[in-house]
Amino acid sequence: KNQVEQSPQSLIILEGKNCTLQCNYTVSPFNNLRWYKQDTGKGPISLTIMTFSENTKLNGRYTATLDADTKQSSLHITATQLSDSASYICVVSALCSPGT
C-alpha cells in the first residue's frame, strides 16, 4: 500500500531558528519526491524535485535530503523568516510500469 506521512503536523518556531520537516513514504516503485510550499490562499510552489539517485538538494535557505533505502526525506529550513509561515507538502510519485 502506497502511503506518504509527514511530521510534525504543525510547528511553531522562533524567527531566525532552523527547523526540519520529515516525510516517510512506502511508494514503490519510486519515481521522484517533491517538496512544495503553500501560502494560505495561494497555490503550491515547488521547492525541490529529487530522484532516486539524489541525496541532497539546495534551494536558497531550503535543504532537502532523500534516503531512498529507508524511504525518508527531510526539508531543512535555515534561519527561518516570517515569510516561511506556510504549509509544506511532500509529494511522492510512483514509477508507472507498462500495462498499469
N, C-alpha and C. Protein backbone atom coordinates (compact mmCIF):
# COMPACT_ATOMS: atom_id res chain seq x y z
N LYS A 1 0.85 -1.19 0.00
CA LYS A 1 0.00 0.00 0.00
C LYS A 1 0.89 1.25 0.00
N ASN A 2 0.62 2.14 -0.95
CA ASN A 2 1.43 3.36 -1.06
C ASN A 2 0.93 4.43 -0.10
N GLN A 3 1.82 4.88 0.78
CA GLN A 3 1.47 5.91 1.76
C GLN A 3 2.58 6.94 1.87
N VAL A 4 2.19 8.17 2.21
CA VAL A 4 3.15 9.24 2.49
C VAL A 4 2.72 9.89 3.80
N GLU A 5 3.65 10.00 4.73
CA GLU A 5 3.35 10.62 6.03
C GLU A 5 4.37 11.71 6.32
N GLN A 6 3.86 12.84 6.79
CA GLN A 6 4.72 13.97 7.15
C GLN A 6 4.68 14.20 8.65
N SER A 7 5.79 14.70 9.18
CA SER A 7 5.82 15.08 10.59
C SER A 7 6.79 16.25 10.76
N PRO A 8 6.58 17.10 11.74
CA PRO A 8 5.36 17.16 12.57
C PRO A 8 4.18 17.73 11.79
N GLN A 9 2.98 17.53 12.33
CA GLN A 9 1.77 18.04 11.67
C GLN A 9 1.78 19.57 11.67
N SER A 10 2.25 20.15 12.74
CA SER A 10 2.39 21.62 12.81
C SER A 10 3.61 21.94 13.67
N LEU A 11 4.12 23.14 13.47
CA LEU A 11 5.36 23.52 14.13
C LEU A 11 5.36 25.02 14.38
N ILE A 12 5.70 25.39 15.62
CA ILE A 12 5.87 26.81 15.96
C ILE A 12 7.34 27.00 16.30
N ILE A 13 7.94 27.97 15.64
CA ILE A 13 9.38 28.17 15.82
C ILE A 13 9.71 29.66 15.86
N LEU A 14 10.73 30.00 16.59
CA LEU A 14 11.15 31.40 16.68
C LEU A 14 11.84 31.83 15.38
N GLU A 15 11.56 33.05 14.96
CA GLU A 15 12.19 33.60 13.76
C GLU A 15 13.71 33.57 13.92
N GLY A 16 14.41 33.15 12.87
CA GLY A 16 15.86 33.07 12.90
C GLY A 16 16.40 31.70 13.27
N LYS A 17 15.54 30.84 13.82
CA LYS A 17 15.96 29.48 14.17
C LYS A 17 15.85 28.58 12.94
N ASN A 18 16.46 27.40 13.03
CA ASN A 18 16.38 26.41 11.97
C ASN A 18 15.29 25.40 12.31
N CYS A 19 14.73 24.77 11.29
CA CYS A 19 13.75 23.71 11.55
C CYS A 19 13.84 22.64 10.48
N THR A 20 13.34 21.46 10.81
CA THR A 20 13.37 20.32 9.89
C THR A 20 12.00 19.65 9.85
N LEU A 21 11.52 19.38 8.64
CA LEU A 21 10.28 18.65 8.42
C LEU A 21 10.64 17.28 7.84
N GLN A 22 9.87 16.27 8.23
CA GLN A 22 10.16 14.90 7.80
C GLN A 22 9.05 14.35 6.91
N CYS A 23 9.44 13.47 6.00
CA CYS A 23 8.49 12.79 5.13
C CYS A 23 8.92 11.33 5.01
N ASN A 24 8.01 10.42 5.36
CA ASN A 24 8.25 8.98 5.20
C ASN A 24 7.26 8.44 4.18
N TYR A 25 7.69 7.53 3.35
CA TYR A 25 6.80 7.01 2.31
C TYR A 25 7.01 5.52 2.09
N THR A 26 6.00 4.89 1.50
CA THR A 26 6.08 3.47 1.16
C THR A 26 5.83 3.27 -0.33
N VAL A 27 5.88 4.35 -1.10
CA VAL A 27 5.58 4.30 -2.53
C VAL A 27 6.64 3.47 -3.26
N SER A 28 6.15 2.52 -4.08
CA SER A 28 7.05 1.67 -4.84
C SER A 28 6.35 1.24 -6.13
N PRO A 29 7.02 1.25 -7.27
CA PRO A 29 8.39 1.71 -7.49
C PRO A 29 8.48 3.24 -7.47
N PHE A 30 9.53 3.75 -6.84
CA PHE A 30 9.73 5.17 -6.61
C PHE A 30 10.16 5.88 -7.90
N ASN A 31 9.56 7.03 -8.19
CA ASN A 31 9.97 7.85 -9.33
C ASN A 31 10.67 9.12 -8.86
N ASN A 32 9.94 9.98 -8.12
CA ASN A 32 10.56 11.17 -7.57
C ASN A 32 9.81 11.68 -6.35
N LEU A 33 10.46 12.57 -5.62
CA LEU A 33 9.88 13.17 -4.43
C LEU A 33 9.99 14.68 -4.59
N ARG A 34 8.90 15.38 -4.27
CA ARG A 34 8.87 16.83 -4.39
C ARG A 34 8.42 17.45 -3.08
N TRP A 35 9.05 18.56 -2.73
CA TRP A 35 8.60 19.38 -1.61
C TRP A 35 7.99 20.66 -2.17
N TYR A 36 6.82 21.03 -1.65
CA TYR A 36 6.13 22.24 -2.05
C TYR A 36 5.90 23.12 -0.82
N LYS A 37 5.84 24.41 -1.07
CA LYS A 37 5.44 25.38 -0.05
C LYS A 37 4.14 26.01 -0.52
N GLN A 38 3.15 26.05 0.37
CA GLN A 38 1.86 26.64 0.01
C GLN A 38 1.45 27.69 1.03
N ASP A 39 1.44 28.94 0.58
CA ASP A 39 0.96 30.04 1.42
C ASP A 39 -0.56 30.02 1.46
N THR A 40 -1.15 30.47 2.55
CA THR A 40 -2.61 30.49 2.71
C THR A 40 -3.26 31.23 1.54
N GLY A 41 -4.22 30.58 0.92
CA GLY A 41 -4.98 31.20 -0.17
C GLY A 41 -4.27 31.22 -1.50
N LYS A 42 -3.11 30.56 -1.59
CA LYS A 42 -2.35 30.54 -2.84
C LYS A 42 -2.06 29.11 -3.27
N GLY A 43 -1.61 28.97 -4.49
CA GLY A 43 -1.25 27.64 -5.00
C GLY A 43 0.12 27.22 -4.50
N PRO A 44 0.41 25.91 -4.55
CA PRO A 44 1.71 25.42 -4.09
C PRO A 44 2.85 25.84 -5.02
N ILE A 45 4.01 26.11 -4.42
CA ILE A 45 5.23 26.46 -5.16
C ILE A 45 6.24 25.34 -4.95
N SER A 46 6.80 24.83 -6.03
CA SER A 46 7.78 23.75 -5.94
C SER A 46 9.10 24.27 -5.35
N LEU A 47 9.57 23.60 -4.31
CA LEU A 47 10.86 23.94 -3.70
C LEU A 47 11.97 23.06 -4.26
N THR A 48 11.65 21.77 -4.49
CA THR A 48 12.67 20.84 -4.97
C THR A 48 12.02 19.58 -5.54
N ILE A 49 12.73 18.98 -6.48
CA ILE A 49 12.36 17.67 -7.04
C ILE A 49 13.58 16.78 -6.89
N MET A 50 13.39 15.60 -6.30
CA MET A 50 14.52 14.69 -6.09
C MET A 50 14.22 13.33 -6.69
N THR A 51 15.21 12.77 -7.38
CA THR A 51 15.08 11.43 -7.93
C THR A 51 15.86 10.44 -7.07
N PHE A 52 15.74 9.17 -7.40
CA PHE A 52 16.33 8.08 -6.62
C PHE A 52 17.81 8.30 -6.34
N SER A 53 18.54 8.84 -7.31
CA SER A 53 20.00 8.94 -7.20
C SER A 53 20.48 10.19 -6.46
N GLU A 54 19.56 11.08 -6.07
CA GLU A 54 19.97 12.32 -5.42
C GLU A 54 19.77 12.25 -3.91
N ASN A 55 20.82 12.62 -3.14
CA ASN A 55 20.67 12.60 -1.68
C ASN A 55 20.38 13.97 -1.10
N THR A 56 20.90 15.03 -1.73
CA THR A 56 20.74 16.37 -1.17
C THR A 56 20.54 17.39 -2.28
N LYS A 57 19.62 18.32 -2.03
CA LYS A 57 19.41 19.42 -2.97
C LYS A 57 19.26 20.71 -2.18
N LEU A 58 19.91 21.77 -2.67
CA LEU A 58 19.85 23.07 -2.02
C LEU A 58 19.02 24.03 -2.87
N ASN A 59 18.22 24.85 -2.18
CA ASN A 59 17.45 25.90 -2.85
C ASN A 59 17.38 27.07 -1.87
N GLY A 60 18.37 27.95 -1.95
CA GLY A 60 18.42 29.07 -1.00
C GLY A 60 18.58 28.58 0.42
N ARG A 61 17.64 28.93 1.30
CA ARG A 61 17.69 28.51 2.70
C ARG A 61 17.09 27.13 2.92
N TYR A 62 16.59 26.52 1.85
CA TYR A 62 15.98 25.19 1.95
C TYR A 62 16.98 24.11 1.53
N THR A 63 17.11 23.08 2.36
CA THR A 63 17.92 21.92 2.01
C THR A 63 17.04 20.69 2.13
N ALA A 64 16.92 19.95 1.03
CA ALA A 64 16.14 18.71 1.04
C ALA A 64 17.09 17.53 0.95
N THR A 65 16.81 16.50 1.75
CA THR A 65 17.60 15.28 1.69
C THR A 65 16.67 14.12 1.37
N LEU A 66 17.24 13.09 0.76
CA LEU A 66 16.46 11.90 0.41
C LEU A 66 17.31 10.67 0.67
N ASP A 67 16.73 9.72 1.40
CA ASP A 67 17.34 8.41 1.59
C ASP A 67 16.38 7.39 1.00
N ALA A 68 16.67 6.98 -0.22
CA ALA A 68 15.75 6.07 -0.93
C ALA A 68 15.72 4.68 -0.30
N ASP A 69 16.79 4.31 0.41
CA ASP A 69 16.82 2.98 1.05
C ASP A 69 15.85 2.91 2.23
N THR A 70 15.84 3.96 3.06
CA THR A 70 14.93 3.97 4.22
C THR A 70 13.60 4.65 3.89
N LYS A 71 13.49 5.16 2.65
CA LYS A 71 12.27 5.83 2.17
C LYS A 71 11.89 7.00 3.08
N GLN A 72 12.89 7.88 3.28
CA GLN A 72 12.70 9.07 4.12
C GLN A 72 13.27 10.29 3.42
N SER A 73 12.63 11.42 3.64
CA SER A 73 13.14 12.69 3.16
C SER A 73 12.97 13.72 4.26
N SER A 74 13.82 14.73 4.24
CA SER A 74 13.66 15.84 5.18
C SER A 74 13.83 17.15 4.44
N LEU A 75 13.16 18.17 4.94
CA LEU A 75 13.30 19.53 4.43
C LEU A 75 13.78 20.39 5.58
N HIS A 76 14.98 20.94 5.43
CA HIS A 76 15.60 21.75 6.48
C HIS A 76 15.53 23.21 6.05
N ILE A 77 14.99 24.05 6.92
CA ILE A 77 14.90 25.48 6.64
C ILE A 77 15.87 26.19 7.59
N THR A 78 16.79 26.93 7.00
CA THR A 78 17.82 27.64 7.77
C THR A 78 17.37 29.09 8.00
N ALA A 79 17.62 29.58 9.21
CA ALA A 79 17.33 30.99 9.56
C ALA A 79 15.92 31.39 9.14
N THR A 80 14.95 30.75 9.77
CA THR A 80 13.55 30.96 9.39
C THR A 80 13.16 32.43 9.44
N GLN A 81 12.24 32.78 8.53
CA GLN A 81 11.70 34.13 8.44
C GLN A 81 10.18 34.06 8.55
N LEU A 82 9.58 35.19 8.83
CA LEU A 82 8.12 35.25 8.94
C LEU A 82 7.46 34.74 7.65
N SER A 83 8.10 34.99 6.52
CA SER A 83 7.54 34.57 5.23
C SER A 83 7.56 33.04 5.05
N ASP A 84 8.25 32.32 5.94
CA ASP A 84 8.28 30.86 5.87
C ASP A 84 7.01 30.25 6.46
N SER A 85 6.19 31.07 7.10
CA SER A 85 4.94 30.57 7.68
C SER A 85 4.01 30.14 6.55
N ALA A 86 3.84 28.81 6.41
CA ALA A 86 3.09 28.25 5.28
C ALA A 86 2.86 26.76 5.54
N SER A 87 2.15 26.12 4.61
CA SER A 87 2.03 24.67 4.62
C SER A 87 3.12 24.10 3.71
N TYR A 88 3.76 23.04 4.17
CA TYR A 88 4.79 22.37 3.37
C TYR A 88 4.28 20.97 3.04
N ILE A 89 4.37 20.61 1.77
CA ILE A 89 3.76 19.37 1.29
C ILE A 89 4.82 18.50 0.63
N CYS A 90 4.86 17.25 1.03
CA CYS A 90 5.75 16.25 0.44
C CYS A 90 4.91 15.39 -0.50
N VAL A 91 5.32 15.32 -1.76
CA VAL A 91 4.59 14.53 -2.77
C VAL A 91 5.55 13.50 -3.34
N VAL A 92 5.13 12.23 -3.32
CA VAL A 92 5.96 11.14 -3.85
C VAL A 92 5.24 10.53 -5.05
N SER A 93 5.95 10.47 -6.17
CA SER A 93 5.38 9.90 -7.39
C SER A 93 5.91 8.48 -7.60
N ALA A 94 5.02 7.60 -8.00
CA ALA A 94 5.40 6.23 -8.32
C ALA A 94 5.76 6.14 -9.79
N LEU A 95 6.66 5.22 -10.09
CA LEU A 95 7.04 4.96 -11.47
C LEU A 95 6.01 4.00 -12.06
N CYS A 96 5.37 4.42 -13.12
CA CYS A 96 4.34 3.56 -13.74
C CYS A 96 5.01 2.50 -14.60
N SER A 97 4.63 1.26 -14.37
CA SER A 97 5.17 0.18 -15.20
C SER A 97 4.24 -0.05 -16.39
N PRO A 98 4.74 -0.56 -17.48
CA PRO A 98 3.91 -0.78 -18.67
C PRO A 98 2.71 -1.66 -18.35
N GLY A 99 1.58 -1.25 -18.88
CA GLY A 99 0.36 -2.05 -18.69
C GLY A 99 -0.41 -1.73 -17.43
N THR A 100 0.01 -0.68 -16.69
CA THR A 100 -0.73 -0.30 -15.47
C THR A 100 -1.41 1.03 -15.66
